[in-house]
N, C-alpha and C. Protein backbone atom coordinates (compact mmCIF):
# COMPACT_ATOMS: atom_id res chain seq x y z
N MET A 1 36.75 -26.68 -10.17
CA MET A 1 37.12 -25.40 -9.62
C MET A 1 36.29 -24.28 -10.23
N LEU A 2 36.05 -24.37 -11.52
CA LEU A 2 35.28 -23.36 -12.22
C LEU A 2 33.84 -23.32 -11.71
N LYS A 3 33.27 -24.50 -11.45
CA LYS A 3 31.90 -24.57 -10.92
C LYS A 3 31.84 -23.92 -9.54
N LEU A 4 32.85 -24.14 -8.73
CA LEU A 4 32.88 -23.54 -7.41
C LEU A 4 32.91 -22.01 -7.50
N LEU A 5 33.70 -21.49 -8.42
CA LEU A 5 33.76 -20.04 -8.61
C LEU A 5 32.42 -19.48 -9.08
N HIS A 6 31.74 -20.20 -9.96
CA HIS A 6 30.42 -19.76 -10.42
C HIS A 6 29.43 -19.73 -9.26
N ARG A 7 29.46 -20.74 -8.42
CA ARG A 7 28.56 -20.78 -7.26
C ARG A 7 28.83 -19.63 -6.30
N ILE A 8 30.08 -19.37 -6.06
CA ILE A 8 30.45 -18.26 -5.15
C ILE A 8 30.00 -16.93 -5.76
N ARG A 9 30.24 -16.76 -7.05
CA ARG A 9 29.83 -15.53 -7.71
C ARG A 9 28.32 -15.35 -7.64
N ARG A 10 27.55 -16.41 -7.89
CA ARG A 10 26.09 -16.35 -7.80
C ARG A 10 25.64 -16.02 -6.39
N TRP A 11 26.31 -16.57 -5.40
CA TRP A 11 25.95 -16.32 -4.01
C TRP A 11 26.13 -14.84 -3.66
N PHE A 12 27.19 -14.21 -4.15
CA PHE A 12 27.43 -12.79 -3.87
C PHE A 12 26.49 -11.88 -4.66
N ARG A 13 25.98 -12.33 -5.78
CA ARG A 13 25.08 -11.51 -6.59
C ARG A 13 23.63 -11.55 -6.12
N ARG A 14 23.30 -12.44 -5.24
CA ARG A 14 21.92 -12.58 -4.80
C ARG A 14 21.39 -11.27 -4.24
N GLN A 15 20.15 -11.01 -4.60
CA GLN A 15 19.47 -9.82 -4.09
C GLN A 15 18.91 -10.14 -2.70
N PRO A 16 18.92 -9.18 -1.81
CA PRO A 16 18.30 -9.43 -0.51
C PRO A 16 16.80 -9.64 -0.70
N PRO A 17 16.19 -10.44 0.13
CA PRO A 17 14.75 -10.70 -0.03
C PRO A 17 13.96 -9.40 0.18
N ALA A 18 12.93 -9.24 -0.64
CA ALA A 18 12.08 -8.05 -0.52
C ALA A 18 11.32 -8.10 0.80
N PRO A 19 11.16 -6.97 1.44
CA PRO A 19 10.42 -6.98 2.71
C PRO A 19 8.96 -7.32 2.45
N GLU A 20 8.38 -8.03 3.37
CA GLU A 20 6.98 -8.43 3.24
C GLU A 20 6.07 -7.22 3.47
N LEU A 21 5.07 -7.08 2.63
CA LEU A 21 4.11 -6.00 2.78
C LEU A 21 2.90 -6.51 3.54
N THR A 22 2.32 -5.65 4.35
CA THR A 22 1.06 -6.00 4.98
C THR A 22 -0.04 -5.91 3.93
N VAL A 23 -1.21 -6.40 4.26
CA VAL A 23 -2.33 -6.35 3.32
C VAL A 23 -2.67 -4.90 2.99
N ILE A 24 -2.63 -4.04 3.98
CA ILE A 24 -2.94 -2.62 3.78
C ILE A 24 -1.90 -1.98 2.87
N GLU A 25 -0.63 -2.26 3.13
CA GLU A 25 0.44 -1.70 2.30
C GLU A 25 0.32 -2.20 0.86
N TYR A 26 0.04 -3.50 0.70
CA TYR A 26 -0.11 -4.07 -0.64
C TYR A 26 -1.25 -3.41 -1.39
N GLU A 27 -2.38 -3.24 -0.72
CA GLU A 27 -3.54 -2.62 -1.36
C GLU A 27 -3.24 -1.18 -1.73
N ALA A 28 -2.54 -0.46 -0.84
CA ALA A 28 -2.19 0.93 -1.12
C ALA A 28 -1.27 1.03 -2.33
N VAL A 29 -0.26 0.19 -2.39
CA VAL A 29 0.67 0.20 -3.52
C VAL A 29 -0.05 -0.16 -4.82
N SER A 30 -0.92 -1.15 -4.77
CA SER A 30 -1.67 -1.54 -5.96
C SER A 30 -2.59 -0.42 -6.42
N LEU A 31 -3.26 0.22 -5.46
CA LEU A 31 -4.17 1.31 -5.80
C LEU A 31 -3.42 2.48 -6.42
N ILE A 32 -2.26 2.79 -5.89
CA ILE A 32 -1.44 3.86 -6.46
C ILE A 32 -1.04 3.49 -7.89
N ALA A 33 -0.68 2.24 -8.10
CA ALA A 33 -0.27 1.81 -9.43
C ALA A 33 -1.41 1.88 -10.44
N TYR A 34 -2.62 1.49 -10.02
CA TYR A 34 -3.75 1.47 -10.94
C TYR A 34 -4.45 2.82 -11.08
N GLU A 35 -4.56 3.56 -10.00
CA GLU A 35 -5.33 4.80 -10.01
C GLU A 35 -4.48 6.06 -10.12
N GLY A 36 -3.21 5.95 -9.83
CA GLY A 36 -2.34 7.12 -9.89
C GLY A 36 -2.74 8.17 -8.87
N ARG A 37 -2.94 9.40 -9.32
CA ARG A 37 -3.27 10.51 -8.42
C ARG A 37 -4.63 10.33 -7.74
N ALA A 38 -5.49 9.53 -8.33
CA ALA A 38 -6.83 9.34 -7.77
C ALA A 38 -6.88 8.23 -6.73
N ALA A 39 -5.75 7.66 -6.37
CA ALA A 39 -5.74 6.52 -5.45
C ALA A 39 -6.31 6.87 -4.09
N TYR A 40 -5.95 8.04 -3.57
CA TYR A 40 -6.44 8.43 -2.25
C TYR A 40 -7.96 8.58 -2.26
N GLU A 41 -8.48 9.28 -3.27
CA GLU A 41 -9.93 9.47 -3.38
C GLU A 41 -10.65 8.14 -3.54
N ARG A 42 -10.06 7.24 -4.30
CA ARG A 42 -10.67 5.93 -4.51
C ARG A 42 -10.75 5.14 -3.20
N ALA A 43 -9.70 5.19 -2.41
CA ALA A 43 -9.71 4.49 -1.12
C ALA A 43 -10.76 5.11 -0.20
N ARG A 44 -10.89 6.44 -0.21
CA ARG A 44 -11.91 7.11 0.60
C ARG A 44 -13.32 6.71 0.14
N GLU A 45 -13.51 6.62 -1.18
CA GLU A 45 -14.82 6.20 -1.70
C GLU A 45 -15.15 4.79 -1.22
N GLN A 46 -14.16 3.91 -1.25
CA GLN A 46 -14.39 2.54 -0.78
C GLN A 46 -14.75 2.52 0.70
N ALA A 47 -14.07 3.34 1.49
CA ALA A 47 -14.37 3.41 2.92
C ALA A 47 -15.80 3.89 3.15
N GLU A 48 -16.21 4.92 2.42
CA GLU A 48 -17.57 5.44 2.55
C GLU A 48 -18.60 4.42 2.10
N TYR A 49 -18.30 3.69 1.03
CA TYR A 49 -19.21 2.66 0.55
C TYR A 49 -19.39 1.56 1.61
N CYS A 50 -18.29 1.11 2.19
CA CYS A 50 -18.37 0.08 3.22
C CYS A 50 -19.16 0.58 4.42
N LEU A 51 -18.97 1.83 4.78
CA LEU A 51 -19.70 2.40 5.91
C LEU A 51 -21.19 2.48 5.60
N SER A 52 -21.53 2.83 4.37
CA SER A 52 -22.95 2.91 3.99
C SER A 52 -23.60 1.54 3.99
N ARG A 53 -22.80 0.51 3.78
CA ARG A 53 -23.31 -0.87 3.80
C ARG A 53 -23.27 -1.50 5.19
N GLY A 54 -22.78 -0.74 6.16
CA GLY A 54 -22.75 -1.23 7.53
C GLY A 54 -21.53 -2.05 7.90
N SER A 55 -20.51 -2.01 7.07
CA SER A 55 -19.30 -2.78 7.35
C SER A 55 -18.25 -1.88 7.99
N GLU A 56 -18.22 -1.88 9.31
CA GLU A 56 -17.24 -1.05 10.01
C GLU A 56 -15.82 -1.56 9.77
N ALA A 57 -15.66 -2.88 9.69
CA ALA A 57 -14.33 -3.45 9.45
C ALA A 57 -13.83 -3.04 8.06
N GLY A 58 -14.71 -3.08 7.07
CA GLY A 58 -14.34 -2.66 5.72
C GLY A 58 -13.99 -1.19 5.67
N CYS A 59 -14.77 -0.38 6.39
CA CYS A 59 -14.50 1.05 6.45
C CYS A 59 -13.15 1.32 7.09
N ARG A 60 -12.87 0.61 8.17
CA ARG A 60 -11.58 0.77 8.85
C ARG A 60 -10.42 0.36 7.94
N PHE A 61 -10.60 -0.76 7.23
CA PHE A 61 -9.57 -1.24 6.31
C PHE A 61 -9.27 -0.20 5.23
N TRP A 62 -10.32 0.27 4.55
CA TRP A 62 -10.11 1.23 3.47
C TRP A 62 -9.63 2.58 3.98
N SER A 63 -10.02 2.95 5.19
CA SER A 63 -9.49 4.18 5.79
C SER A 63 -8.00 4.03 6.04
N ASP A 64 -7.59 2.86 6.52
CA ASP A 64 -6.16 2.61 6.72
C ASP A 64 -5.41 2.61 5.39
N VAL A 65 -6.05 2.07 4.35
CA VAL A 65 -5.44 2.09 3.02
C VAL A 65 -5.28 3.54 2.56
N ALA A 66 -6.30 4.36 2.78
CA ALA A 66 -6.22 5.78 2.39
C ALA A 66 -5.08 6.47 3.11
N VAL A 67 -4.92 6.18 4.40
CA VAL A 67 -3.81 6.77 5.17
C VAL A 67 -2.48 6.32 4.60
N GLU A 68 -2.37 5.03 4.26
CA GLU A 68 -1.13 4.51 3.69
C GLU A 68 -0.85 5.12 2.32
N VAL A 69 -1.88 5.29 1.51
CA VAL A 69 -1.71 5.94 0.21
C VAL A 69 -1.21 7.37 0.43
N GLY A 70 -1.83 8.06 1.38
CA GLY A 70 -1.40 9.42 1.69
C GLY A 70 0.04 9.47 2.15
N ARG A 71 0.42 8.51 2.97
CA ARG A 71 1.80 8.47 3.47
C ARG A 71 2.78 8.22 2.33
N ARG A 72 2.42 7.31 1.43
CA ARG A 72 3.33 6.96 0.34
C ARG A 72 3.37 8.01 -0.77
N THR A 73 2.36 8.85 -0.85
CA THR A 73 2.33 9.87 -1.89
C THR A 73 2.64 11.26 -1.36
N GLY A 74 2.97 11.36 -0.07
CA GLY A 74 3.35 12.65 0.49
C GLY A 74 2.19 13.52 0.88
N MET A 75 1.02 12.95 1.07
CA MET A 75 -0.16 13.73 1.44
C MET A 75 -0.41 13.71 2.95
N THR A 76 0.56 13.33 3.74
CA THR A 76 0.32 13.11 5.16
C THR A 76 0.01 14.38 5.94
N ASN A 77 0.41 15.54 5.46
CA ASN A 77 0.19 16.76 6.23
C ASN A 77 -0.97 17.60 5.73
N THR A 78 -1.76 17.09 4.82
CA THR A 78 -2.88 17.87 4.33
C THR A 78 -4.11 17.65 5.19
N LYS A 79 -5.02 18.61 5.17
CA LYS A 79 -6.24 18.51 5.95
C LYS A 79 -7.08 17.32 5.50
N LYS A 80 -7.06 17.06 4.20
CA LYS A 80 -7.89 16.00 3.63
C LYS A 80 -7.58 14.63 4.21
N THR A 81 -6.32 14.35 4.49
CA THR A 81 -5.97 13.02 4.99
C THR A 81 -6.37 12.83 6.44
N ARG A 82 -6.65 13.91 7.16
CA ARG A 82 -7.05 13.79 8.57
C ARG A 82 -8.55 13.66 8.73
N GLU A 83 -9.33 13.89 7.65
CA GLU A 83 -10.78 13.79 7.74
C GLU A 83 -11.20 12.33 7.83
N GLN A 84 -12.28 12.10 8.56
CA GLN A 84 -12.86 10.77 8.66
C GLN A 84 -13.93 10.62 7.59
N PRO A 85 -14.19 9.41 7.09
CA PRO A 85 -15.27 9.23 6.12
C PRO A 85 -16.61 9.63 6.73
N ARG A 86 -17.49 10.14 5.90
CA ARG A 86 -18.81 10.57 6.38
C ARG A 86 -19.68 9.43 6.78
């Protein structure tokens, strides 16, 4: 009986599964964690670097990461987040 109560108690304590992050969301969260306030600028630099190397897919990816960083850090309404990489 005691084992049954322990199992029931454990079942009720379970945490709901964490929502799955997309690759862009994961990269944005990681960049924010490592770079802090500079995360948005770092993502923009990566996008510009990819564009200079001719990788449109890489530029698009890092631009999306920059947008996600901006969204997660509250920068969504600034002029800077609406600019496209050069």
